């Protein structure tokens, strides 16, 4: 399995932002990840 460069806490924070209604296009650049990474 491919190893992620994000920590578990970072992933939880990103998913929380997405659940709160923030758009993926806004979240990804601020965390340095691509949009397909979130899907």
PDB file of N, CA and C in Angstrom:
ATOM      1  N   UNK A   1       0.842  -1.176   0.000  1.00  0.00           N
ATOM      2  CA  UNK A   1       0.000   0.000   0.000  1.00  0.00           C
ATOM      3  C   UNK A   1       0.888   1.241   0.000  1.00  0.00           C
ATOM      4  N   UNK A   2       0.439   2.259  -0.713  1.00  0.00           N
ATOM      5  CA  UNK A   2       1.195   3.503  -0.830  1.00  0.00           C
ATOM      6  C   UNK A   2       1.143   4.291   0.480  1.00  0.00           C
ATOM      7  N   UNK A   3       2.284   4.793   0.901  1.00  0.00           N
ATOM      8  CA  UNK A   3       2.352   5.562   2.143  1.00  0.00           C
ATOM      9  C   UNK A   3       1.976   7.016   1.876  1.00  0.00           C
ATOM     10  N   UNK A   4       1.173   7.584   2.759  1.00  0.00           N
ATOM     11  CA  UNK A   4       0.731   8.962   2.622  1.00  0.00           C
ATOM     12  C   UNK A   4       1.746   9.909   3.253  1.00  0.00           C
ATOM     13  N   UNK A   5       1.788  11.128   2.763  1.00  0.00           N
ATOM     14  CA  UNK A   5       2.683  12.113   3.366  1.00  0.00           C
ATOM     15  C   UNK A   5       1.941  12.989   4.358  1.00  0.00           C
ATOM     16  N   UNK A   6       0.642  12.743   4.505  1.00  0.00           N
ATOM     17  CA  UNK A   6      -0.158  13.490   5.465  1.00  0.00           C
ATOM     18  C   UNK A   6      -0.318  12.667   6.737  1.00  0.00           C
ATOM     19  N   UNK A   7      -0.297  13.337   7.868  1.00  0.00           N
ATOM     20  CA  UNK A   7      -0.525  12.636   9.126  1.00  0.00           C
ATOM     21  C   UNK A   7      -2.018  12.410   9.309  1.00  0.00           C
ATOM     22  N   UNK A   8      -2.352  11.531  10.213  1.00  0.00           N
ATOM     23  CA  UNK A   8      -3.761  11.256  10.487  1.00  0.00           C
ATOM     24  C   UNK A   8      -4.497  12.518  10.935  1.00  0.00           C
ATOM     25  N   UNK A   9      -3.851  13.327  11.762  1.00  0.00           N
ATOM     26  CA  UNK A   9      -4.505  14.552  12.240  1.00  0.00           C
ATOM     27  C   UNK A   9      -4.733  15.547  11.099  1.00  0.00           C
ATOM     28  N   UNK A  10      -3.821  15.607  10.132  1.00  0.00           N
ATOM     29  CA  UNK A  10      -4.003  16.491   8.979  1.00  0.00           C
ATOM     30  C   UNK A  10      -5.189  16.028   8.128  1.00  0.00           C
ATOM     31  N   UNK A  11      -5.298  14.732   7.932  1.00  0.00           N
ATOM     32  CA  UNK A  11      -6.403  14.185   7.146  1.00  0.00           C
ATOM     33  C   UNK A  11      -7.733  14.488   7.824  1.00  0.00           C
ATOM     34  N   UNK A  12      -7.787  14.308   9.134  1.00  0.00           N
ATOM     35  CA  UNK A  12      -9.011  14.587   9.886  1.00  0.00           C
ATOM     36  C   UNK A  12      -9.380  16.056   9.777  1.00  0.00           C
ATOM     37  N   UNK A  13      -8.395  16.933   9.866  1.00  0.00           N
ATOM     38  CA  UNK A  13      -8.651  18.375   9.755  1.00  0.00           C
ATOM     39  C   UNK A  13      -9.178  18.729   8.362  1.00  0.00           C
ATOM     40  N   UNK A  14      -8.584  18.153   7.324  1.00  0.00           N
ATOM     41  CA  UNK A  14      -9.018  18.417   5.951  1.00  0.00           C
ATOM     42  C   UNK A  14     -10.452  17.931   5.744  1.00  0.00           C
ATOM     43  N   UNK A  15     -10.755  16.731   6.211  1.00  0.00           N
ATOM     44  CA  UNK A  15     -12.113  16.207   6.069  1.00  0.00           C
ATOM     45  C   UNK A  15     -13.111  17.044   6.862  1.00  0.00           C
ATOM     46  N   UNK A  16     -12.694  17.530   8.013  1.00  0.00           N
ATOM     47  CA  UNK A  16     -13.562  18.395   8.813  1.00  0.00           C
ATOM     48  C   UNK A  16     -13.880  19.693   8.097  1.00  0.00           C
ATOM     49  N   UNK A  17     -12.886  20.258   7.435  1.00  0.00           N
ATOM     50  CA  UNK A  17     -13.103  21.488   6.665  1.00  0.00           C
ATOM     51  C   UNK A  17     -14.092  21.230   5.534  1.00  0.00           C
ATOM     52  N   UNK A  18     -13.951  20.079   4.904  1.00  0.00           N
ATOM     53  CA  UNK A  18     -14.839  19.730   3.796  1.00  0.00           C
ATOM     54  C   UNK A  18     -16.268  19.529   4.304  1.00  0.00           C
ATOM     55  N   UNK A  19     -16.426  18.857   5.431  1.00  0.00           N
ATOM     56  CA  UNK A  19     -17.751  18.642   6.009  1.00  0.00           C
ATOM     57  C   UNK A  19     -18.391  19.950   6.454  1.00  0.00           C
ATOM     58  N   UNK A  20     -17.572  20.915   6.842  1.00  0.00           N
ATOM     59  CA  UNK A  20     -18.079  22.210   7.289  1.00  0.00           C
ATOM     60  C   UNK A  20     -18.565  23.073   6.123  1.00  0.00           C
ATOM     61  N   UNK A  21     -18.369  22.581   4.898  1.00  0.00           N
ATOM     62  CA  UNK A  21     -18.878  23.292   3.735  1.00  0.00           C
ATOM     63  C   UNK A  21     -17.840  24.029   2.918  1.00  0.00           C
ATOM     64  N   UNK A  22     -16.591  23.930   3.318  1.00  0.00           N
ATOM     65  CA  UNK A  22     -15.538  24.583   2.540  1.00  0.00           C
ATOM     66  C   UNK A  22     -15.302  23.788   1.259  1.00  0.00           C
ATOM     67  N   UNK A  23     -15.127  24.490   0.155  1.00  0.00           N
ATOM     68  CA  UNK A  23     -14.938  23.836  -1.143  1.00  0.00           C
ATOM     69  C   UNK A  23     -13.560  23.180  -1.238  1.00  0.00           C
ATOM     70  N   UNK A  24     -13.522  22.049  -1.943  1.00  0.00           N
ATOM     71  CA  UNK A  24     -12.272  21.315  -2.150  1.00  0.00           C
ATOM     72  C   UNK A  24     -11.247  22.203  -2.842  1.00  0.00           C
ATOM     73  N   UNK A  25     -11.695  23.022  -3.781  1.00  0.00           N
ATOM     74  CA  UNK A  25     -10.796  23.921  -4.511  1.00  0.00           C
ATOM     75  C   UNK A  25     -10.131  24.937  -3.582  1.00  0.00           C
ATOM     76  N   UNK A  26     -10.738  25.231  -2.451  1.00  0.00           N
ATOM     77  CA  UNK A  26     -10.144  26.149  -1.470  1.00  0.00           C
ATOM     78  C   UNK A  26      -9.232  25.403  -0.496  1.00  0.00           C
ATOM     79  N   UNK A  27      -9.619  24.200  -0.144  1.00  0.00           N
ATOM     80  CA  UNK A  27      -8.888  23.423   0.860  1.00  0.00           C
ATOM     81  C   UNK A  27      -7.534  22.942   0.333  1.00  0.00           C
ATOM     82  N   UNK A  28      -7.533  22.385  -0.864  1.00  0.00           N
ATOM     83  CA  UNK A  28      -6.329  21.738  -1.398  1.00  0.00           C
ATOM     84  C   UNK A  28      -5.100  22.641  -1.469  1.00  0.00           C
ATOM     85  N   UNK A  29      -5.184  23.830  -2.043  1.00  0.00           N
ATOM     86  CA  UNK A  29      -3.986  24.671  -2.111  1.00  0.00           C
ATOM     87  C   UNK A  29      -3.429  25.042  -0.727  1.00  0.00           C
ATOM     88  N   UNK A  30      -4.310  25.227   0.230  1.00  0.00           N
ATOM     89  CA  UNK A  30      -3.841  25.626   1.557  1.00  0.00           C
ATOM     90  C   UNK A  30      -3.118  24.490   2.279  1.00  0.00           C
ATOM     91  N   UNK A  31      -3.344  23.243   1.829  1.00  0.00           N
ATOM     92  CA  UNK A  31      -2.678  22.092   2.441  1.00  0.00           C
ATOM     93  C   UNK A  31      -1.624  21.475   1.524  1.00  0.00           C
ATOM     94  N   UNK A  32      -1.471  22.039   0.331  1.00  0.00           N
ATOM     95  CA  UNK A  32      -0.456  21.549  -0.599  1.00  0.00           C
ATOM     96  C   UNK A  32      -0.770  20.191  -1.198  1.00  0.00           C
ATOM     97  N   UNK A  33      -2.053  19.910  -1.418  1.00  0.00           N
ATOM     98  CA  UNK A  33      -2.443  18.637  -2.019  1.00  0.00           C
ATOM     99  C   UNK A  33      -3.277  18.894  -3.271  1.00  0.00           C
ATOM    100  N   UNK A  34      -3.388  17.870  -4.119  1.00  0.00           N
ATOM    101  CA  UNK A  34      -4.200  18.011  -5.329  1.00  0.00           C
ATOM    102  C   UNK A  34      -5.636  17.602  -5.029  1.00  0.00           C
ATOM    103  N   UNK A  35      -6.557  18.063  -5.850  1.00  0.00           N
ATOM    104  CA  UNK A  35      -7.967  17.742  -5.644  1.00  0.00           C
ATOM    105  C   UNK A  35      -8.250  16.237  -5.721  1.00  0.00           C
ATOM    106  N   UNK A  36      -7.649  15.490  -6.651  1.00  0.00           N
ATOM    107  CA  UNK A  36      -7.917  14.045  -6.674  1.00  0.00           C
ATOM    108  C   UNK A  36      -7.488  13.327  -5.385  1.00  0.00           C
ATOM    109  N   UNK A  37      -6.561  13.901  -4.655  1.00  0.00           N
ATOM    110  CA  UNK A  37      -6.127  13.300  -3.397  1.00  0.00           C
ATOM    111  C   UNK A  37      -7.271  13.217  -2.401  1.00  0.00           C
ATOM    112  N   UNK A  38      -8.206  14.151  -2.473  1.00  0.00           N
ATOM    113  CA  UNK A  38      -9.298  14.189  -1.503  1.00  0.00           C
ATOM    114  C   UNK A  38     -10.427  13.224  -1.835  1.00  0.00           C
ATOM    115  N   UNK A  39     -10.413  12.635  -3.023  1.00  0.00           N
ATOM    116  CA  UNK A  39     -11.535  11.770  -3.421  1.00  0.00           C
ATOM    117  C   UNK A  39     -11.248  10.319  -3.187  1.00  0.00           C
TER     118      UNK A  39
END
